[in-house]
Structure formats: C-alpha cells, structure tokens
Protein backbone atom coordinates (compact mmCIF):
# COMPACT_ATOMS: atom_id res chain seq x y z
CA UNK A 1 93.40 67.21 113.00
CA UNK A 2 91.54 70.33 111.77
CA UNK A 3 90.54 70.55 108.14
CA UNK A 4 92.25 73.44 106.37
CA UNK A 5 90.33 74.98 103.51
CA UNK A 6 92.29 76.36 100.58
CA UNK A 7 91.68 79.53 98.66
CA UNK A 8 89.81 78.91 95.41
CA UNK A 9 89.54 80.74 92.18
CA UNK A 10 87.78 80.15 88.92
CA UNK A 11 86.73 81.72 85.68
CA UNK A 12 83.09 82.76 85.36
CA UNK A 13 81.56 81.86 81.99
CA UNK A 14 80.30 84.83 79.99
CA UNK A 15 76.70 83.63 79.94
CA UNK A 16 76.74 83.69 83.76
CA UNK A 17 78.20 87.19 84.23
CA UNK A 18 74.95 89.07 84.88
CA UNK A 19 73.70 86.59 87.49
CA UNK A 20 77.15 86.26 89.06
CA UNK A 21 77.61 90.04 89.38
CA UNK A 22 74.16 90.38 90.96
CA UNK A 23 74.94 87.79 93.64
CA UNK A 24 78.53 89.01 94.10
CA UNK A 25 77.27 92.58 94.61
CA UNK A 26 74.72 91.47 97.23
CA UNK A 27 77.29 89.38 99.14
CA UNK A 28 79.88 92.13 99.19
CA UNK A 29 77.76 95.29 99.46
CA UNK A 30 79.63 98.05 101.33
CA UNK A 31 82.88 96.07 101.77
CA UNK A 32 86.03 98.20 101.50
CA UNK A 33 87.88 97.72 98.22
CA UNK A 34 91.12 98.38 96.38
CA UNK A 35 90.98 98.77 92.60
CA UNK A 36 94.14 98.26 90.53
CA UNK A 37 94.73 98.27 86.77
CA UNK A 38 97.53 96.20 85.20
CA UNK A 39 98.40 97.27 81.65
CA UNK A 40 101.17 98.68 79.47
CA UNK A 41 102.18 101.17 82.18
CA UNK A 42 102.42 98.49 84.87
CA UNK A 43 100.26 98.45 87.99
CA UNK A 44 98.18 101.58 88.65
CA UNK A 45 96.12 101.90 91.82
CA UNK A 46 92.83 103.61 91.01
CA UNK A 47 91.34 103.73 94.50
CA UNK A 48 91.58 102.32 98.01
CA UNK A 49 88.98 101.75 100.75
CA UNK A 50 85.86 102.85 98.86
CA UNK A 51 82.88 100.60 99.62
CA UNK A 52 81.47 98.38 96.87
CA UNK A 53 78.08 99.55 95.62
CA UNK A 54 77.72 97.01 92.84
CA UNK A 55 78.93 95.52 89.58
CA UNK A 56 76.91 95.23 86.38
CA UNK A 57 77.40 94.13 82.78
CA UNK A 58 75.96 95.67 79.60
CA UNK A 59 75.82 93.12 76.78
CA UNK A 60 74.91 95.47 73.92
CA UNK A 61 76.16 98.73 72.45
CA UNK A 62 79.58 100.22 71.88
CA UNK A 63 82.39 98.38 73.65
CA UNK A 64 80.17 95.51 74.74
CA UNK A 65 80.38 93.60 76.85
CA UNK A 66 81.02 96.47 79.28
CA UNK A 67 81.42 95.84 82.98
CA UNK A 68 80.86 98.69 85.44
CA UNK A 69 82.26 98.61 88.97
CA UNK A 70 80.51 101.18 91.17
CA UNK A 71 82.27 102.24 94.36
CA UNK A 72 81.80 104.92 96.96
CA UNK A 73 79.40 106.48 99.37
CA UNK A 74 75.97 105.05 99.79
CA UNK A 75 74.33 108.45 100.27
CA UNK A 76 74.23 111.41 97.87
CA UNK A 77 76.02 113.49 100.51
CA UNK A 78 79.07 111.18 100.36
CA UNK A 79 81.60 112.89 98.11
CA UNK A 80 83.94 110.01 97.33
CA UNK A 81 82.65 107.76 94.56
CA UNK A 82 83.97 106.08 91.42
CA UNK A 83 82.51 104.15 88.51
CA UNK A 84 85.15 102.17 86.63
CA UNK A 85 84.15 100.77 83.22
CA UNK A 86 85.86 97.87 81.45
CA UNK A 87 84.98 97.87 77.74
CA UNK A 88 85.23 94.71 75.64
CA UNK A 89 85.54 92.49 78.69
CA UNK A 90 86.91 89.08 77.78
CA UNK A 91 87.43 87.17 81.04
CA UNK A 92 86.18 87.29 84.63
CA UNK A 93 87.93 85.32 87.37
CA UNK A 94 86.78 85.19 90.99
CA UNK A 95 89.01 84.35 93.95
CA UNK A 96 87.57 83.05 97.19
CA UNK A 97 89.57 82.90 100.43
CA UNK A 98 90.01 79.97 102.78
CA UNK A 99 87.20 81.38 104.93
CA UNK A 100 84.75 81.12 102.01
CA UNK A 101 84.44 84.89 101.53
CA UNK A 102 85.14 86.62 98.23
CA UNK A 103 88.73 87.93 98.19
CA UNK A 104 89.08 89.42 94.72
CA UNK A 105 87.71 89.72 91.21
CA UNK A 106 89.92 89.97 88.13
CA UNK A 107 88.48 91.26 84.86
CA UNK A 108 90.53 91.15 81.66
CA UNK A 109 89.62 93.10 78.55
CA UNK A 110 90.20 92.12 74.90
CA UNK A 111 93.58 93.92 74.91
CA UNK A 112 94.87 91.98 77.92
CA UNK A 113 94.53 94.85 80.41
CA UNK A 114 93.53 93.46 83.81
CA UNK A 115 91.42 95.16 86.44
CA UNK A 116 91.78 93.72 89.94
CA UNK A 117 89.13 94.46 92.57
CA UNK A 118 90.31 93.29 95.99
CA UNK A 119 88.57 93.50 99.33
CA UNK A 120 90.46 95.29 102.08
CA UNK A 121 90.53 94.41 105.74
CA UNK A 122 90.08 97.62 107.63
CA UNK A 123 91.68 97.81 111.08
CA UNK A 124 89.28 97.49 113.99
CA UNK A 125 88.94 100.56 116.16
CA UNK A 126 89.67 100.26 119.87
CA UNK A 127 86.83 101.70 121.90
C-alpha cells in the first residue's frame, strides 16, 4: 500500500523569521503567486501570477517587525511588480503540500489582518 503524505503547516517562531524567509525565498524564487489580504473589508486579492522575488523582515524602525513580500519581473524591463509590506507582523505560518513543496505563507499583523501568499499552478502549454 502506498504511503500518503499529508499537507503540513506550522508557525515560524519570530527569532527564526529572517533565516526562514531567506531559505523560503531561495526555494520558491520565480514561482507564480497569488496575494490576498483578509481584514475588515473581507478578502481582497492584491495580485495574481506575479513571480516571487523574495521576502525579508526588518526588525527595527517604525512598524517593526515589518515583512516585505517582493513580487514581479526579474528584469528592470518587466513592468509588473509589487512590494507588499506588513507592518507590526505578529505571526507567520507556513503550509507545505503533500508533495513537500511550499503551498502558502500566512502572515498576521498585530491588528489581526492576514496576508496570504499562495503559489499558483500555471497551466502547461501544449507545443
């Protein structure tokens, strides 16, 4: 009988955020994303299908800790890009799929607003 792996998720401790984001960014560089914000106005889609450039955390200054999610073209000539900043981040939760790949990242701020970064499966082109 085949072994079926289950999807996993878990909270990342604050002291591990910088290292986690560095590794997460390397593993998922250029993967297509969907970014959604869940707050007082309900679910708001901020973008779809932009590639992940990276995620970083700033531990000092106004609104710290601040997490920046950088999405978009890899070249200066690429017009579509977005940097989404989460100020006063309080919780980071990662979700991993049954195949072992990262599926999503949820970041919650001090006010309870959640940012969900999900990876999209783009359709394969027939050639």
